[in-house]
Amino acid sequence: MLWQKVDYHGSLTQRHGTYWVTAIHAHADTFGEAPEVRYDISEMTGWRPVVMARNVRRRSLTPLPCYRMFA
């Protein structure tokens, strides 16, 4: 979910840690299979997200029960 906090534990070991999901991408399969969903994860610098990893697979993330709300 957008703006959900997640733990990243994927192949970019230098980036392991806790981040916010700031983008969700659905990559269509050319053979008609279900699209693959990927995520961009970011750290917050003040009110600005800074992308730390793009197109992260779901299996590389553990969702946490924390969400960012904007007014």
Protein backbone atom coordinates (compact mmCIF):
# COMPACT_ATOMS: atom_id res chain seq x y z
CA MET A 1 0.00 0.00 0.00
CA LEU A 2 1.28 3.49 -0.72
CA TRP A 3 2.85 5.18 2.29
CA GLN A 4 3.07 1.96 4.27
CA LYS A 5 6.28 1.38 6.20
CA VAL A 6 8.16 -1.77 5.18
CA ASP A 7 11.36 -3.63 6.05
CA TYR A 8 13.52 -4.23 2.98
CA HIS A 9 15.60 -7.43 2.93
CA GLY A 10 16.33 -7.88 -0.77
CA SER A 11 19.46 -8.31 -2.85
CA LEU A 12 20.71 -4.74 -2.27
CA THR A 13 22.20 -5.62 1.12
CA GLN A 14 23.62 -2.12 1.64
CA ARG A 15 20.01 -0.85 1.54
CA HIS A 16 18.52 -3.25 4.11
CA GLY A 17 16.34 -1.33 6.55
CA THR A 18 12.98 0.35 7.07
CA TYR A 19 11.44 2.53 4.36
CA TRP A 20 8.16 3.94 3.02
CA VAL A 21 6.46 2.62 -0.12
CA THR A 22 6.24 5.66 -2.41
CA ALA A 23 5.28 4.07 -5.74
CA ILE A 24 3.65 0.88 -6.98
CA HIS A 25 4.21 -0.40 -10.52
CA ALA A 26 2.36 -3.21 -12.32
CA HIS A 27 4.51 -4.70 -15.08
CA ALA A 28 2.36 -6.43 -17.70
CA ASP A 29 3.37 -9.82 -19.00
CA THR A 30 3.54 -10.12 -22.78
CA PHE A 31 2.03 -13.62 -22.68
CA GLY A 32 -1.16 -12.67 -20.86
CA GLU A 33 -0.16 -13.77 -17.36
CA ALA A 34 -0.93 -11.71 -14.26
CA PRO A 35 1.11 -8.50 -14.02
CA GLU A 36 4.05 -8.44 -11.65
CA VAL A 37 3.81 -5.75 -8.98
CA ARG A 38 6.97 -3.85 -7.98
CA TYR A 39 7.54 -1.08 -5.45
CA ASP A 40 9.73 2.00 -5.00
CA ILE A 41 10.87 2.48 -1.42
CA SER A 42 12.03 5.77 0.07
CA GLU A 43 13.41 7.48 3.14
CA MET A 44 11.88 10.77 4.21
CA THR A 45 14.07 13.88 4.30
CA GLY A 46 11.81 16.37 6.01
CA TRP A 47 8.63 16.23 3.91
CA ARG A 48 10.42 14.97 0.79
CA PRO A 49 10.77 11.27 -0.08
CA VAL A 50 14.20 10.19 -1.36
CA VAL A 51 14.03 6.96 -3.38
CA MET A 52 16.45 4.35 -2.03
CA ALA A 53 15.48 1.44 -4.33
CA ARG A 54 13.23 1.13 -7.39
CA ASN A 55 11.22 -1.83 -8.73
CA VAL A 56 11.56 -3.90 -5.55
CA ARG A 57 9.85 -7.29 -5.58
CA ARG A 58 7.15 -8.06 -3.02
CA ARG A 59 9.14 -10.97 -1.57
CA SER A 60 11.90 -8.50 -0.61
CA LEU A 61 9.56 -6.55 1.67
CA THR A 62 7.92 -7.19 5.03
CA PRO A 63 4.97 -4.83 5.63
CA LEU A 64 4.81 -3.07 9.00
CA PRO A 65 1.63 -1.81 10.71
CA CYS A 66 2.55 1.86 10.17
CA TYR A 67 1.11 4.27 7.59
CA ARG A 68 1.86 7.89 6.75
CA MET A 69 -1.16 10.18 6.53
CA PHE A 70 -1.22 13.56 4.83
CA ALA A 71 -3.68 16.34 5.53
